[in-house]
C-alpha atoms as a PDB file:
ATOM      1  CA  UNK A   1      17.154 -77.883  22.279  1.00  0.00           C
ATOM      2  CA  UNK A   2      17.036 -81.185  23.715  1.00  0.00           C
ATOM      3  CA  UNK A   3      19.979 -82.949  24.158  1.00  0.00           C
ATOM      4  CA  UNK A   4      20.451 -87.117  22.594  1.00  0.00           C
ATOM      5  CA  UNK A   5      21.244 -90.171  24.289  1.00  0.00           C
ATOM      6  CA  UNK A   6      21.812 -92.865  22.436  1.00  0.00           C
ATOM      7  CA  UNK A   7      21.746 -96.937  24.392  1.00  0.00           C
ATOM      8  CA  UNK A   8      22.897 -99.772  23.204  1.00  0.00           C
ATOM      9  CA  UNK A   9      21.949-103.058  25.074  1.00  0.00           C
ATOM     10  CA  UNK A  10      23.177-106.152  23.474  1.00  0.00           C
ATOM     11  CA  UNK A  11      20.549-109.381  24.698  1.00  0.00           C
ATOM     12  CA  UNK A  12      18.300-111.704  23.207  1.00  0.00           C
ATOM     13  CA  UNK A  13      14.322-110.650  24.209  1.00  0.00           C
ATOM     14  CA  UNK A  14      12.703-111.697  25.640  1.00  0.00           C
ATOM     15  CA  UNK A  15       8.749-112.451  24.986  1.00  0.00           C
ATOM     16  CA  UNK A  16       6.927-111.935  21.864  1.00  0.00           C
ATOM     17  CA  UNK A  17       6.031-107.556  21.901  1.00  0.00           C
ATOM     18  CA  UNK A  18       3.219-106.740  23.087  1.00  0.00           C
ATOM     19  CA  UNK A  19       1.563-104.018  20.744  1.00  0.00           C
ATOM     20  CA  UNK A  20      -0.446-101.341  22.797  1.00  0.00           C
ATOM     21  CA  UNK A  21      -2.260 -97.342  21.552  1.00  0.00           C
ATOM     22  CA  UNK A  22      -4.552 -95.561  22.278  1.00  0.00           C
ATOM     23  CA  UNK A  23      -7.378 -94.051  19.764  1.00  0.00           C
ATOM     24  CA  UNK A  24      -6.470 -91.478  17.396  1.00  0.00           C
ATOM     25  CA  UNK A  25      -2.818 -91.567  18.384  1.00  0.00           C
ATOM     26  CA  UNK A  26      -0.033 -93.014  17.416  1.00  0.00           C
ATOM     27  CA  UNK A  27       0.774 -96.498  18.188  1.00  0.00           C
ATOM     28  CA  UNK A  28       3.673 -97.838  21.168  1.00  0.00           C
ATOM     29  CA  UNK A  29       5.216-101.247  21.135  1.00  0.00           C
ATOM     30  CA  UNK A  30       7.209-102.570  24.328  1.00  0.00           C
ATOM     31  CA  UNK A  31       9.338-105.281  25.041  1.00  0.00           C
ATOM     32  CA  UNK A  32      11.755-107.409  27.282  1.00  0.00           C
ATOM     33  CA  UNK A  33      15.059-107.145  27.124  1.00  0.00           C
ATOM     34  CA  UNK A  34      17.920-109.770  28.269  1.00  0.00           C
ATOM     35  CA  UNK A  35      21.676-109.438  28.862  1.00  0.00           C
ATOM     36  CA  UNK A  36      24.157-111.671  30.553  1.00  0.00           C
ATOM     37  CA  UNK A  37      27.310-110.547  31.368  1.00  0.00           C
ATOM     38  CA  UNK A  38      30.515-112.983  31.809  1.00  0.00           C
ATOM     39  CA  UNK A  39      33.457-112.321  32.803  1.00  0.00           C
ATOM     40  CA  UNK A  40      36.878-115.151  33.473  1.00  0.00           C
ATOM     41  CA  UNK A  41      36.860-115.977  36.938  1.00  0.00           C
ATOM     42  CA  UNK A  42      41.363-116.807  37.212  1.00  0.00           C
ATOM     43  CA  UNK A  43      41.167-118.858  39.697  1.00  0.00           C
ATOM     44  CA  UNK A  44      38.711-121.570  38.407  1.00  0.00           C
ATOM     45  CA  UNK A  45      40.051-120.854  34.894  1.00  0.00           C
ATOM     46  CA  UNK A  46      36.333-120.506  33.962  1.00  0.00           C
ATOM     47  CA  UNK A  47      33.716-118.405  32.249  1.00  0.00           C
ATOM     48  CA  UNK A  48      30.908-117.262  35.151  1.00  0.00           C
ATOM     49  CA  UNK A  49      27.616-114.847  34.233  1.00  0.00           C
ATOM     50  CA  UNK A  50      27.204-112.238  36.119  1.00  0.00           C
ATOM     51  CA  UNK A  51      23.265-112.481  37.172  1.00  0.00           C
ATOM     52  CA  UNK A  52      21.093-111.608  34.016  1.00  0.00           C
ATOM     53  CA  UNK A  53      19.235-107.306  33.547  1.00  0.00           C
ATOM     54  CA  UNK A  54      15.707-106.507  32.326  1.00  0.00           C
ATOM     55  CA  UNK A  55      15.303-103.700  30.340  1.00  0.00           C
ATOM     56  CA  UNK A  56      11.567-102.680  29.581  1.00  0.00           C
ATOM     57  CA  UNK A  57      11.808-101.628  26.182  1.00  0.00           C
ATOM     58  CA  UNK A  58       8.685 -98.541  24.976  1.00  0.00           C
ATOM     59  CA  UNK A  59       8.857 -97.796  21.875  1.00  0.00           C
ATOM     60  CA  UNK A  60       6.811 -94.609  19.961  1.00  0.00           C
ATOM     61  CA  UNK A  61       5.889 -94.914  16.552  1.00  0.00           C
ATOM     62  CA  UNK A  62       5.437 -91.789  14.203  1.00  0.00           C
ATOM     63  CA  UNK A  63       2.655 -91.303  12.215  1.00  0.00           C
ATOM     64  CA  UNK A  64       5.050 -91.891   9.430  1.00  0.00           C
ATOM     65  CA  UNK A  65       5.533 -95.685  10.535  1.00  0.00           C
ATOM     66  CA  UNK A  66       2.585 -96.195  12.126  1.00  0.00           C
ATOM     67  CA  UNK A  67       1.939 -98.925   8.998  1.00  0.00           C
ATOM     68  CA  UNK A  68       1.821-103.581   9.706  1.00  0.00           C
ATOM     69  CA  UNK A  69       4.874-103.445  10.278  1.00  0.00           C
ATOM     70  CA  UNK A  70       6.539-105.714  13.382  1.00  0.00           C
ATOM     71  CA  UNK A  71       8.057-103.354  16.083  1.00  0.00           C
ATOM     72  CA  UNK A  72      11.300-106.026  16.595  1.00  0.00           C
ATOM     73  CA  UNK A  73      12.052-108.170  14.176  1.00  0.00           C
END
């Protein structure tokens, strides 16, 4: 039995989703999410940002969801 892992990414979608797929196959879409972690720098008494991490997300529609709904709201 396959194992599944849940991953949660908090951030902002960086561009419009791109929908793609082959004829007769379930459609898919991809988009990029940017996430920037912040931390408090006690010596300067201010918040600072780590570099932004960009992640490409690819979603595959199931046959039940292959309609005109967007892959990202």
